[in-house]
Amino acid sequence: MIATLGTESEIRLSDVADGLAEARRLGNKPLVRKILLSARGLQPRSIDDELTLGFVYLELGDLCVALDWFTHVAKMRAGLSMAHSGRALTLQLLGQPVEALAAVQAALALDPRDIVALKVLVRINLDMNLPAQANAICLRILTINPGDPDATALLKQAAIHRSRPPAA
């Protein structure tokens, strides 16, 4: 797969996810960045390509453009939980927790096992100083995906939040 991703003209959006996964598995950060930057200039041919672009821009840190793609996909294919969870994550990173929570709820209504939406919900609960709820959601994630490193780290954060005295 990596061999087919040599030049920008060779990369198709349908190859991006596989190429990124392999480049990450190999620990090749320059190739990850090259794939992301190359994907940015490609024209989407389907809703799935548009969703991929949302994640590309999210990973590149261009949150406003990522949000535009996720919002577009969520409108075009309202039943796709990944579009809503992508929106949720982006909104949470943009510091818009109320909007992020609405997107989380939309994603989880479609797929109660949407890991991205659940992780955003954990972060929202931690930010609202609700560590018990965050803990319960982390445990739910770990039943879906045992050993999930993000959920494990968030579980530790929830424990730290629980051990803090309440704010005065």
N, C-alpha and C. Protein backbone atom coordinates (compact mmCIF):
# COMPACT_ATOMS: atom_id res chain seq x y z
N MET A 1 0.82 -1.20 0.00
CA MET A 1 0.00 0.00 0.00
C MET A 1 0.86 1.26 0.00
N ILE A 2 1.87 1.30 0.87
CA ILE A 2 2.71 2.49 0.97
C ILE A 2 3.38 2.77 -0.38
N ALA A 3 3.80 1.74 -1.07
CA ALA A 3 4.46 1.94 -2.35
C ALA A 3 3.57 2.66 -3.35
N THR A 4 2.27 2.50 -3.24
CA THR A 4 1.37 3.16 -4.19
C THR A 4 1.12 4.61 -3.82
N LEU A 5 1.65 5.05 -2.73
CA LEU A 5 1.40 6.42 -2.29
C LEU A 5 2.61 7.32 -2.51
N GLY A 6 3.38 7.04 -3.52
CA GLY A 6 4.62 7.77 -3.75
C GLY A 6 4.48 9.23 -4.12
N THR A 7 3.55 9.59 -4.99
CA THR A 7 3.41 10.97 -5.39
C THR A 7 1.98 11.42 -5.19
N GLU A 8 1.81 12.74 -5.13
CA GLU A 8 0.47 13.29 -4.92
C GLU A 8 -0.50 12.83 -5.98
N SER A 9 -0.06 12.74 -7.23
CA SER A 9 -0.96 12.36 -8.30
C SER A 9 -1.43 10.92 -8.18
N GLU A 10 -0.66 10.11 -7.45
CA GLU A 10 -1.03 8.71 -7.29
C GLU A 10 -2.03 8.49 -6.16
N ILE A 11 -2.16 9.44 -5.26
CA ILE A 11 -3.00 9.25 -4.09
C ILE A 11 -4.46 9.54 -4.42
N ARG A 12 -5.32 8.60 -4.05
CA ARG A 12 -6.76 8.80 -4.15
C ARG A 12 -7.30 8.81 -2.72
N LEU A 13 -8.36 9.55 -2.51
CA LEU A 13 -8.93 9.62 -1.16
C LEU A 13 -9.29 8.25 -0.62
N SER A 14 -9.69 7.35 -1.49
CA SER A 14 -10.04 6.02 -1.03
C SER A 14 -8.83 5.26 -0.47
N ASP A 15 -7.61 5.70 -0.82
CA ASP A 15 -6.39 5.07 -0.33
C ASP A 15 -5.85 5.71 0.95
N VAL A 16 -6.35 6.88 1.28
CA VAL A 16 -5.77 7.67 2.37
C VAL A 16 -5.80 6.93 3.70
N ALA A 17 -6.95 6.41 4.10
CA ALA A 17 -7.06 5.77 5.41
C ALA A 17 -6.12 4.57 5.52
N ASP A 18 -6.07 3.75 4.50
CA ASP A 18 -5.19 2.58 4.53
C ASP A 18 -3.72 3.01 4.57
N GLY A 19 -3.40 4.00 3.76
CA GLY A 19 -2.02 4.49 3.73
C GLY A 19 -1.60 5.10 5.06
N LEU A 20 -2.51 5.86 5.66
CA LEU A 20 -2.20 6.46 6.96
C LEU A 20 -1.99 5.39 8.02
N ALA A 21 -2.87 4.39 8.02
CA ALA A 21 -2.75 3.32 9.01
C ALA A 21 -1.40 2.61 8.87
N GLU A 22 -1.00 2.33 7.65
CA GLU A 22 0.27 1.64 7.45
C GLU A 22 1.45 2.53 7.81
N ALA A 23 1.40 3.79 7.42
CA ALA A 23 2.49 4.71 7.76
C ALA A 23 2.61 4.87 9.27
N ARG A 24 1.48 4.93 9.96
CA ARG A 24 1.52 5.03 11.43
C ARG A 24 2.09 3.75 12.04
N ARG A 25 1.64 2.61 11.50
CA ARG A 25 2.14 1.32 12.02
C ARG A 25 3.66 1.26 11.91
N LEU A 26 4.19 1.83 10.82
CA LEU A 26 5.63 1.84 10.60
C LEU A 26 6.33 2.96 11.37
N GLY A 27 5.55 3.85 11.98
CA GLY A 27 6.12 4.98 12.70
C GLY A 27 6.73 6.03 11.80
N ASN A 28 6.26 6.09 10.56
CA ASN A 28 6.83 7.00 9.57
C ASN A 28 6.05 8.32 9.57
N LYS A 29 6.38 9.21 10.50
CA LYS A 29 5.68 10.48 10.62
C LYS A 29 5.79 11.37 9.38
N PRO A 30 6.95 11.44 8.73
CA PRO A 30 7.01 12.25 7.50
C PRO A 30 6.05 11.74 6.42
N LEU A 31 5.91 10.42 6.30
CA LEU A 31 4.99 9.88 5.31
C LEU A 31 3.54 10.16 5.70
N VAL A 32 3.22 10.08 6.99
CA VAL A 32 1.87 10.42 7.46
C VAL A 32 1.54 11.84 7.03
N ARG A 33 2.45 12.75 7.30
CA ARG A 33 2.22 14.16 6.94
C ARG A 33 2.10 14.33 5.42
N LYS A 34 2.94 13.65 4.67
CA LYS A 34 2.89 13.74 3.20
C LYS A 34 1.53 13.26 2.69
N ILE A 35 1.05 12.15 3.23
CA ILE A 35 -0.25 11.63 2.80
C ILE A 35 -1.36 12.62 3.14
N LEU A 36 -1.32 13.17 4.36
CA LEU A 36 -2.33 14.14 4.76
C LEU A 36 -2.32 15.37 3.86
N LEU A 37 -1.13 15.91 3.63
CA LEU A 37 -1.04 17.11 2.80
C LEU A 37 -1.45 16.83 1.36
N SER A 38 -1.11 15.67 0.86
CA SER A 38 -1.50 15.30 -0.51
C SER A 38 -3.01 15.14 -0.61
N ALA A 39 -3.61 14.53 0.39
CA ALA A 39 -5.06 14.29 0.37
C ALA A 39 -5.84 15.59 0.38
N ARG A 40 -5.27 16.60 1.02
CA ARG A 40 -5.93 17.90 1.14
C ARG A 40 -6.29 18.49 -0.21
N GLY A 41 -5.49 18.23 -1.22
CA GLY A 41 -5.73 18.83 -2.53
C GLY A 41 -6.58 17.99 -3.47
N LEU A 42 -7.01 16.84 -3.02
CA LEU A 42 -7.78 15.96 -3.90
C LEU A 42 -9.25 16.32 -3.90
N GLN A 43 -9.91 16.01 -5.00
CA GLN A 43 -11.35 16.28 -5.11
C GLN A 43 -12.14 15.06 -4.65
N PRO A 44 -13.08 15.25 -3.75
CA PRO A 44 -13.90 14.13 -3.30
C PRO A 44 -14.84 13.65 -4.40
N ARG A 45 -15.02 12.34 -4.46
CA ARG A 45 -15.92 11.75 -5.45
C ARG A 45 -17.15 11.13 -4.80
N SER A 46 -17.19 11.11 -3.48
CA SER A 46 -18.30 10.50 -2.77
C SER A 46 -18.42 11.10 -1.38
N ILE A 47 -19.51 10.79 -0.72
CA ILE A 47 -19.69 11.23 0.67
C ILE A 47 -18.57 10.65 1.54
N ASP A 48 -18.17 9.42 1.29
CA ASP A 48 -17.08 8.83 2.06
C ASP A 48 -15.78 9.61 1.88
N ASP A 49 -15.52 10.07 0.67
CA ASP A 49 -14.34 10.91 0.43
C ASP A 49 -14.45 12.21 1.21
N GLU A 50 -15.64 12.79 1.24
CA GLU A 50 -15.84 14.05 1.97
C GLU A 50 -15.62 13.84 3.47
N LEU A 51 -16.08 12.71 3.99
CA LEU A 51 -15.84 12.38 5.39
C LEU A 51 -14.34 12.23 5.64
N THR A 52 -13.66 11.55 4.73
CA THR A 52 -12.21 11.40 4.85
C THR A 52 -11.52 12.76 4.90
N LEU A 53 -11.96 13.68 4.05
CA LEU A 53 -11.37 15.02 4.07
C LEU A 53 -11.59 15.71 5.41
N GLY A 54 -12.75 15.49 6.02
CA GLY A 54 -12.97 16.05 7.35
C GLY A 54 -11.91 15.58 8.33
N PHE A 55 -11.62 14.27 8.31
CA PHE A 55 -10.62 13.73 9.21
C PHE A 55 -9.20 14.18 8.83
N VAL A 56 -8.95 14.35 7.54
CA VAL A 56 -7.65 14.86 7.10
C VAL A 56 -7.42 16.26 7.67
N TYR A 57 -8.39 17.14 7.48
CA TYR A 57 -8.25 18.51 7.98
C TYR A 57 -8.20 18.55 9.51
N LEU A 58 -8.96 17.67 10.15
CA LEU A 58 -8.91 17.59 11.61
C LEU A 58 -7.50 17.23 12.06
N GLU A 59 -6.93 16.23 11.44
CA GLU A 59 -5.59 15.80 11.83
C GLU A 59 -4.53 16.86 11.52
N LEU A 60 -4.75 17.63 10.46
CA LEU A 60 -3.82 18.71 10.13
C LEU A 60 -4.02 19.93 11.03
N GLY A 61 -5.07 19.92 11.86
CA GLY A 61 -5.32 21.02 12.77
C GLY A 61 -6.11 22.16 12.18
N ASP A 62 -6.64 21.99 10.98
CA ASP A 62 -7.47 23.02 10.36
C ASP A 62 -8.93 22.74 10.75
N LEU A 63 -9.25 23.11 11.99
CA LEU A 63 -10.52 22.70 12.60
C LEU A 63 -11.74 23.30 11.91
N CYS A 64 -11.65 24.53 11.46
CA CYS A 64 -12.81 25.14 10.81
C CYS A 64 -13.15 24.45 9.50
N VAL A 65 -12.13 24.11 8.72
CA VAL A 65 -12.38 23.39 7.47
C VAL A 65 -12.88 21.98 7.77
N ALA A 66 -12.31 21.34 8.76
CA ALA A 66 -12.78 20.00 9.15
C ALA A 66 -14.25 20.05 9.54
N LEU A 67 -14.61 21.05 10.34
CA LEU A 67 -16.00 21.18 10.77
C LEU A 67 -16.93 21.39 9.57
N ASP A 68 -16.49 22.17 8.61
CA ASP A 68 -17.30 22.37 7.40
C ASP A 68 -17.55 21.05 6.69
N TRP A 69 -16.52 20.21 6.54
CA TRP A 69 -16.70 18.92 5.87
C TRP A 69 -17.62 18.01 6.67
N PHE A 70 -17.39 17.92 7.98
CA PHE A 70 -18.23 17.05 8.80
C PHE A 70 -19.69 17.51 8.79
N THR A 71 -19.90 18.81 8.85
CA THR A 71 -21.27 19.35 8.83
C THR A 71 -21.93 19.04 7.50
N HIS A 72 -21.20 19.21 6.42
CA HIS A 72 -21.74 18.91 5.09
C HIS A 72 -22.15 17.44 5.00
N VAL A 73 -21.27 16.55 5.43
CA VAL A 73 -21.56 15.12 5.36
C VAL A 73 -22.75 14.77 6.26
N ALA A 74 -22.80 15.37 7.45
CA ALA A 74 -23.92 15.09 8.37
C ALA A 74 -25.25 15.53 7.77
N LYS A 75 -25.24 16.60 7.00
CA LYS A 75 -26.46 17.05 6.34
C LYS A 75 -26.83 16.14 5.17
N MET A 76 -25.82 15.73 4.42
CA MET A 76 -26.06 14.91 3.22
C MET A 76 -26.43 13.47 3.58
N ARG A 77 -25.82 12.95 4.64
CA ARG A 77 -26.10 11.58 5.08
C ARG A 77 -26.27 11.59 6.60
N ALA A 78 -27.46 12.04 7.01
CA ALA A 78 -27.74 12.24 8.44
C ALA A 78 -27.61 10.96 9.26
N GLY A 79 -27.72 9.81 8.63
CA GLY A 79 -27.64 8.54 9.34
C GLY A 79 -26.24 8.00 9.52
N LEU A 80 -25.22 8.78 9.20
CA LEU A 80 -23.84 8.34 9.32
C LEU A 80 -23.26 8.86 10.64
N SER A 81 -23.14 7.98 11.62
CA SER A 81 -22.70 8.41 12.95
C SER A 81 -21.31 9.04 12.93
N MET A 82 -20.43 8.54 12.05
CA MET A 82 -19.06 9.08 12.01
C MET A 82 -19.03 10.57 11.64
N ALA A 83 -19.98 11.02 10.84
CA ALA A 83 -20.03 12.44 10.51
C ALA A 83 -20.36 13.25 11.75
N HIS A 84 -21.29 12.75 12.55
CA HIS A 84 -21.69 13.45 13.78
C HIS A 84 -20.58 13.38 14.84
N SER A 85 -19.91 12.23 14.95
CA SER A 85 -18.84 12.14 15.94
C SER A 85 -17.63 12.97 15.51
N GLY A 86 -17.38 13.06 14.20
CA GLY A 86 -16.33 13.96 13.72
C GLY A 86 -16.64 15.41 14.04
N ARG A 87 -17.92 15.78 13.85
CA ARG A 87 -18.36 17.13 14.23
C ARG A 87 -18.17 17.34 15.73
N ALA A 88 -18.57 16.33 16.52
CA ALA A 88 -18.46 16.45 17.98
C ALA A 88 -17.02 16.69 18.41
N LEU A 89 -16.12 15.90 17.87
CA LEU A 89 -14.71 16.05 18.23
C LEU A 89 -14.19 17.43 17.83
N THR A 90 -14.51 17.84 16.63
CA THR A 90 -14.05 19.15 16.15
C THR A 90 -14.62 20.28 16.99
N LEU A 91 -15.90 20.21 17.27
CA LEU A 91 -16.54 21.25 18.10
C LEU A 91 -15.94 21.28 19.49
N GLN A 92 -15.65 20.11 20.05
CA GLN A 92 -15.05 20.06 21.38
C GLN A 92 -13.66 20.71 21.34
N LEU A 93 -12.90 20.42 20.30
CA LEU A 93 -11.56 21.03 20.17
C LEU A 93 -11.64 22.53 19.93
N LEU A 94 -12.74 22.99 19.32
CA LEU A 94 -12.95 24.41 19.10
C LEU A 94 -13.49 25.12 20.35
N GLY A 95 -13.70 24.38 21.43
CA GLY A 95 -14.19 24.97 22.66
C GLY A 95 -15.68 25.27 22.65
N GLN A 96 -16.45 24.46 21.95
CA GLN A 96 -17.90 24.64 21.86
C GLN A 96 -18.60 23.41 22.44
N PRO A 97 -18.57 23.26 23.78
CA PRO A 97 -19.07 22.03 24.40
C PRO A 97 -20.57 21.79 24.22
N VAL A 98 -21.38 22.83 24.18
CA VAL A 98 -22.82 22.64 24.02
C VAL A 98 -23.11 22.04 22.64
N GLU A 99 -22.49 22.61 21.62
CA GLU A 99 -22.67 22.09 20.26
C GLU A 99 -22.06 20.71 20.12
N ALA A 100 -20.91 20.49 20.78
CA ALA A 100 -20.26 19.17 20.74
C ALA A 100 -21.17 18.12 21.37
N LEU A 101 -21.80 18.46 22.49
CA LEU A 101 -22.69 17.51 23.15
C LEU A 101 -23.87 17.15 22.25
N ALA A 102 -24.42 18.11 21.55
CA ALA A 102 -25.52 17.84 20.63
C ALA A 102 -25.07 16.88 19.52
N ALA A 103 -23.86 17.07 19.02
CA ALA A 103 -23.33 16.19 17.98
C ALA A 103 -23.05 14.79 18.54
N VAL A 104 -22.56 14.72 19.76
CA VAL A 104 -22.34 13.42 20.42
C VAL A 104 -23.67 12.67 20.52
N GLN A 105 -24.71 13.37 20.97
CA GLN A 105 -26.01 12.74 21.11
C GLN A 105 -26.53 12.23 19.78
N ALA A 106 -26.32 13.01 18.71
CA ALA A 106 -26.75 12.57 17.38
C ALA A 106 -25.99 11.31 16.96
N ALA A 107 -24.68 11.29 17.20
CA ALA A 107 -23.86 10.12 16.83
C ALA A 107 -24.28 8.89 17.62
N LEU A 108 -24.46 9.05 18.93
CA LEU A 108 -24.80 7.90 19.77
C LEU A 108 -26.22 7.40 19.53
N ALA A 109 -27.10 8.27 19.09
CA ALA A 109 -28.46 7.82 18.74
C ALA A 109 -28.40 6.88 17.53
N LEU A 110 -27.44 7.13 16.65
CA LEU A 110 -27.27 6.29 15.46
C LEU A 110 -26.45 5.04 15.75
N ASP A 111 -25.43 5.19 16.59
CA ASP A 111 -24.54 4.07 16.91
C ASP A 111 -24.06 4.21 18.35
N PRO A 112 -24.72 3.52 19.29
CA PRO A 112 -24.34 3.64 20.71
C PRO A 112 -22.91 3.18 21.01
N ARG A 113 -22.25 2.55 20.05
CA ARG A 113 -20.88 2.07 20.24
C ARG A 113 -19.86 2.95 19.50
N ASP A 114 -20.25 4.15 19.09
CA ASP A 114 -19.35 5.06 18.37
C ASP A 114 -18.27 5.53 19.34
N ILE A 115 -17.08 4.97 19.18
CA ILE A 115 -15.98 5.22 20.11
C ILE A 115 -15.58 6.69 20.14
N VAL A 116 -15.52 7.34 18.99
CA VAL A 116 -15.12 8.75 18.95
C VAL A 116 -16.13 9.59 19.75
N ALA A 117 -17.41 9.36 19.53
CA ALA A 117 -18.44 10.11 20.25
C ALA A 117 -18.34 9.86 21.75
N LEU A 118 -18.11 8.62 22.14
CA LEU A 118 -17.99 8.29 23.56
C LEU A 118 -16.78 8.99 24.19
N LYS A 119 -15.67 9.04 23.46
CA LYS A 119 -14.48 9.71 24.00
C LYS A 119 -14.71 11.22 24.13
N VAL A 120 -15.41 11.80 23.19
CA VAL A 120 -15.74 13.23 23.31
C VAL A 120 -16.64 13.44 24.52
N LEU A 121 -17.57 12.53 24.73
CA LEU A 121 -18.46 12.64 25.88
C LEU A 121 -17.69 12.53 27.20
N VAL A 122 -16.68 11.68 27.24
CA VAL A 122 -15.82 11.60 28.43
C VAL A 122 -15.16 12.95 28.67
N ARG A 123 -14.57 13.52 27.61
CA ARG A 123 -13.88 14.80 27.76
C ARG A 123 -14.83 15.90 28.22
N ILE A 124 -16.03 15.94 27.67
CA ILE A 124 -17.03 16.93 28.09
C ILE A 124 -17.34 16.76 29.57
N ASN A 125 -17.52 15.51 30.01
CA ASN A 125 -17.81 15.26 31.42
C ASN A 125 -16.65 15.66 32.32
N LEU A 126 -15.43 15.39 31.87
CA LEU A 126 -14.28 15.82 32.66
C LEU A 126 -14.20 17.34 32.74
N ASP A 127 -14.45 18.00 31.61
CA ASP A 127 -14.42 19.46 31.60
C ASP A 127 -15.51 20.07 32.49
N MET A 128 -16.62 19.34 32.64
CA MET A 128 -17.72 19.81 33.50
C MET A 128 -17.54 19.34 34.94
N ASN A 129 -16.37 18.74 35.24
CA ASN A 129 -16.05 18.22 36.56
C ASN A 129 -17.07 17.17 37.01
N LEU A 130 -17.36 16.24 36.10
CA LEU A 130 -18.24 15.11 36.38
C LEU A 130 -17.45 13.81 36.20
N PRO A 131 -16.48 13.57 37.11
CA PRO A 131 -15.58 12.42 36.91
C PRO A 131 -16.28 11.06 37.01
N ALA A 132 -17.32 10.95 37.81
CA ALA A 132 -18.00 9.65 37.93
C ALA A 132 -18.65 9.26 36.60
N GLN A 133 -19.27 10.23 35.95
CA GLN A 133 -19.87 9.97 34.64
C GLN A 133 -18.78 9.65 33.61
N ALA A 134 -17.69 10.40 33.64
CA ALA A 134 -16.58 10.15 32.73
C ALA A 134 -16.02 8.75 32.94
N ASN A 135 -15.88 8.35 34.19
CA ASN A 135 -15.39 7.02 34.53
C ASN A 135 -16.29 5.94 33.94
N ALA A 136 -17.60 6.09 34.12
CA ALA A 136 -18.56 5.10 33.61
C ALA A 136 -18.48 4.99 32.09
N ILE A 137 -18.30 6.11 31.41
CA ILE A 137 -18.21 6.09 29.94
C ILE A 137 -16.90 5.43 29.51
N CYS A 138 -15.82 5.70 30.23
CA CYS A 138 -14.54 5.04 29.91
C CYS A 138 -14.68 3.52 30.04
N LEU A 139 -15.33 3.07 31.09
CA LEU A 139 -15.53 1.63 31.26
C LEU A 139 -16.39 1.07 30.13
N ARG A 140 -17.36 1.83 29.66
CA ARG A 140 -18.18 1.41 28.52
C ARG A 140 -17.31 1.28 27.26
N ILE A 141 -16.43 2.25 27.04
CA ILE A 141 -15.52 2.19 25.89
C ILE A 141 -14.65 0.93 25.98
N LEU A 142 -14.15 0.66 27.17
CA LEU A 142 -13.25 -0.48 27.34
C LEU A 142 -13.98 -1.82 27.19
N THR A 143 -15.28 -1.85 27.38
CA THR A 143 -16.02 -3.09 27.08
C THR A 143 -16.19 -3.26 25.58
N ILE A 144 -16.26 -2.15 24.86
CA ILE A 144 -16.38 -2.19 23.40
C ILE A 144 -15.03 -2.48 22.77
N ASN A 145 -14.00 -1.82 23.28
CA ASN A 145 -12.66 -1.92 22.71
C ASN A 145 -11.65 -2.11 23.85
N PRO A 146 -11.52 -3.36 24.34
CA PRO A 146 -10.61 -3.61 25.48
C PRO A 146 -9.20 -3.12 25.18
N GLY A 147 -8.62 -2.47 26.18
CA GLY A 147 -7.25 -1.99 26.05
C GLY A 147 -7.11 -0.69 25.29
N ASP A 148 -8.22 -0.04 24.94
CA ASP A 148 -8.16 1.22 24.20
C ASP A 148 -7.26 2.20 24.96
N PRO A 149 -6.16 2.64 24.33
CA PRO A 149 -5.21 3.50 25.07
C PRO A 149 -5.79 4.86 25.45
N ASP A 150 -6.63 5.44 24.60
CA ASP A 150 -7.24 6.73 24.94
C ASP A 150 -8.18 6.58 26.13
N ALA A 151 -8.99 5.54 26.10
CA ALA A 151 -9.93 5.32 27.21
C ALA A 151 -9.19 5.05 28.51
N THR A 152 -8.09 4.32 28.43
CA THR A 152 -7.28 4.04 29.62
C THR A 152 -6.71 5.34 30.19
N ALA A 153 -6.20 6.20 29.32
CA ALA A 153 -5.66 7.49 29.77
C ALA A 153 -6.77 8.37 30.34
N LEU A 154 -7.94 8.38 29.69
CA LEU A 154 -9.06 9.18 30.19
C LEU A 154 -9.57 8.64 31.53
N LEU A 155 -9.51 7.33 31.70
CA LEU A 155 -9.91 6.72 32.98
C LEU A 155 -9.00 7.21 34.11
N LYS A 156 -7.71 7.32 33.83
CA LYS A 156 -6.76 7.85 34.82
C LYS A 156 -7.07 9.31 35.12
N GLN A 157 -7.42 10.09 34.08
CA GLN A 157 -7.78 11.49 34.31
C GLN A 157 -9.05 11.59 35.17
N ALA A 158 -10.00 10.70 34.93
CA ALA A 158 -11.23 10.71 35.73
C ALA A 158 -10.91 10.41 37.19
N ALA A 159 -9.99 9.49 37.44
CA ALA A 159 -9.60 9.15 38.81
C ALA A 159 -8.93 10.36 39.47
N ILE A 160 -8.11 11.07 38.73
CA ILE A 160 -7.46 12.27 39.29
C ILE A 160 -8.51 13.31 39.63
N HIS A 161 -9.49 13.51 38.72
CA HIS A 161 -10.56 14.48 38.98
C HIS A 161 -11.37 14.09 40.23
N ARG A 162 -11.60 12.78 40.41
CA ARG A 162 -12.38 12.32 41.58
C ARG A 162 -11.64 12.56 42.87
N SER A 163 -10.30 12.53 42.81
CA SER A 163 -9.52 12.69 44.03
C SER A 163 -9.33 14.15 44.44
N ARG A 164 -9.71 15.08 43.56
CA ARG A 164 -9.56 16.51 43.87
C ARG A 164 -10.72 16.96 44.77
N PRO A 165 -10.41 17.86 45.70
CA PRO A 165 -11.50 18.42 46.50
C PRO A 165 -12.42 19.28 45.64
N PRO A 166 -13.70 19.37 45.97
CA PRO A 166 -14.62 20.19 45.18
C PRO A 166 -14.20 21.66 45.19
N ALA A 167 -14.45 22.34 44.08
CA ALA A 167 -14.12 23.76 43.96
C ALA A 167 -14.98 24.57 44.92
N ALA A 168 -14.37 25.60 45.49
CA ALA A 168 -15.12 26.43 46.45
C ALA A 168 -15.98 27.45 45.76
